[in-house]
Amino acid sequence: MKNLLVLILFFLFSVSICGQKKSDDEISAQDKILLQKFWTDFTDAVTRNDKGKIKTLCEFPFYCRPCIDYLGSKNSNLVTVKVSRDSYQKKYYKVFLKKN
């Protein structure tokens, strides 16, 4: 009985160790460079309150949680807001800019 328990524990432990995914999901050097460039451009645009530049860096539509604050009607069931290019231009750009 003791040997069976040890065998089962060894099996579970080995499956756990072998089942761990190796770090194959690392970001490539090229992707790191692209991400760094995007992040630099994005933070610069936000710092300068450049609504147009932020618009060029976004892919529309996107979903936005903080944009709920800018809805006309307060629907408590919403988790995110789908932001189109037009709706970004009208009101949702405010999420990215400094509040005065």
Protein backbone atom coordinates (compact mmCIF):
# COMPACT_ATOMS: atom_id res chain seq x y z
CA MET A 1 0.00 0.00 0.00
CA LYS A 2 2.83 2.35 0.89
CA ASN A 3 4.61 1.54 -2.38
CA LEU A 4 1.44 2.30 -4.35
CA LEU A 5 1.08 5.67 -2.61
CA VAL A 6 4.72 6.53 -3.35
CA LEU A 7 4.28 5.46 -6.98
CA ILE A 8 1.15 7.61 -7.38
CA LEU A 9 2.85 10.63 -5.77
CA PHE A 10 5.91 10.16 -7.99
CA PHE A 11 3.68 9.93 -11.06
CA LEU A 12 1.74 13.09 -10.13
CA PHE A 13 4.94 14.97 -9.35
CA SER A 14 6.56 13.95 -12.65
CA VAL A 15 3.44 14.90 -14.63
CA SER A 16 3.45 18.25 -12.86
CA ILE A 17 7.10 18.90 -13.66
CA CYS A 18 6.94 17.67 -17.26
CA GLY A 19 3.64 19.44 -17.85
CA GLN A 20 5.11 22.85 -17.15
CA LYS A 21 5.30 24.87 -20.33
CA LYS A 22 8.75 25.99 -21.29
CA SER A 23 9.39 29.66 -21.98
CA ASP A 24 8.69 29.37 -25.73
CA ASP A 25 6.31 32.32 -25.51
CA GLU A 26 9.02 34.91 -25.12
CA ILE A 27 8.67 38.02 -27.21
CA SER A 28 11.04 38.17 -30.15
CA ALA A 29 13.64 40.95 -30.36
CA GLN A 30 11.79 42.53 -33.28
CA ASP A 31 8.50 42.55 -31.36
CA LYS A 32 10.24 44.08 -28.34
CA ILE A 33 11.54 46.90 -30.54
CA LEU A 34 8.08 47.49 -32.05
CA LEU A 35 6.44 47.44 -28.61
CA GLN A 36 9.01 49.88 -27.23
CA LYS A 37 8.47 52.25 -30.17
CA PHE A 38 4.68 52.05 -29.78
CA TRP A 39 4.85 52.65 -26.04
CA THR A 40 7.22 55.61 -26.47
CA ASP A 41 4.97 57.17 -29.13
CA PHE A 42 1.82 56.51 -27.10
CA THR A 43 3.14 57.95 -23.81
CA ASP A 44 4.52 60.96 -25.68
CA ALA A 45 1.14 61.60 -27.33
CA VAL A 46 -0.69 61.28 -24.00
CA THR A 47 1.81 63.59 -22.28
CA ARG A 48 1.35 66.22 -24.99
CA ASN A 49 -2.46 65.75 -25.03
CA ASP A 50 -2.22 64.99 -28.75
CA LYS A 51 -5.67 63.61 -29.57
CA GLY A 52 -4.83 63.08 -33.25
CA LYS A 53 -1.63 61.13 -32.60
CA ILE A 54 -3.39 58.84 -30.11
CA LYS A 55 -6.03 58.20 -32.77
CA THR A 56 -3.37 57.09 -35.27
CA LEU A 57 -1.89 54.66 -32.72
CA CYS A 58 -5.21 52.94 -31.93
CA GLU A 59 -6.89 50.22 -33.92
CA PHE A 60 -10.64 50.74 -34.07
CA PRO A 61 -12.94 49.51 -32.72
CA PHE A 62 -11.53 48.75 -29.29
CA TYR A 63 -13.16 48.06 -25.95
CA CYS A 64 -12.60 50.46 -23.07
CA ARG A 65 -13.51 50.10 -19.39
CA PRO A 66 -12.76 53.70 -18.27
CA CYS A 67 -14.88 55.03 -21.15
CA ILE A 68 -18.02 54.10 -19.21
CA ASP A 69 -17.56 57.38 -17.29
CA TYR A 70 -18.20 59.29 -20.53
CA LEU A 71 -21.45 57.56 -21.49
CA GLY A 72 -24.52 59.74 -21.74
CA SER A 73 -26.75 57.16 -20.04
CA LYS A 74 -25.49 55.26 -17.05
CA ASN A 75 -26.21 51.59 -17.75
CA SER A 76 -24.86 49.62 -14.79
CA ASN A 77 -24.82 46.36 -16.77
CA LEU A 78 -21.98 47.46 -19.05
CA VAL A 79 -18.48 46.20 -18.39
CA THR A 80 -16.80 47.92 -21.34
CA VAL A 81 -17.70 50.33 -24.11
CA LYS A 82 -17.03 49.59 -27.77
CA VAL A 83 -15.20 52.65 -29.07
CA SER A 84 -15.43 53.37 -32.78
CA ARG A 85 -13.29 55.94 -34.60
CA ASP A 86 -16.21 58.40 -34.62
CA SER A 87 -17.10 57.97 -30.95
CA TYR A 88 -13.42 58.34 -30.01
CA GLN A 89 -13.28 61.63 -31.91
CA LYS A 90 -16.42 62.94 -30.18
CA LYS A 91 -15.88 62.05 -26.52
CA TYR A 92 -13.79 59.02 -25.59
CA TYR A 93 -10.46 60.68 -26.34
CA LYS A 94 -10.89 62.35 -22.94
CA VAL A 95 -9.89 59.09 -21.24
CA PHE A 96 -6.33 59.51 -22.52
CA LEU A 97 -5.91 63.22 -21.84
CA LYS A 98 -5.15 64.98 -18.58
CA LYS A 99 -8.13 66.04 -16.54
CA ASN A 100 -8.07 69.76 -15.85
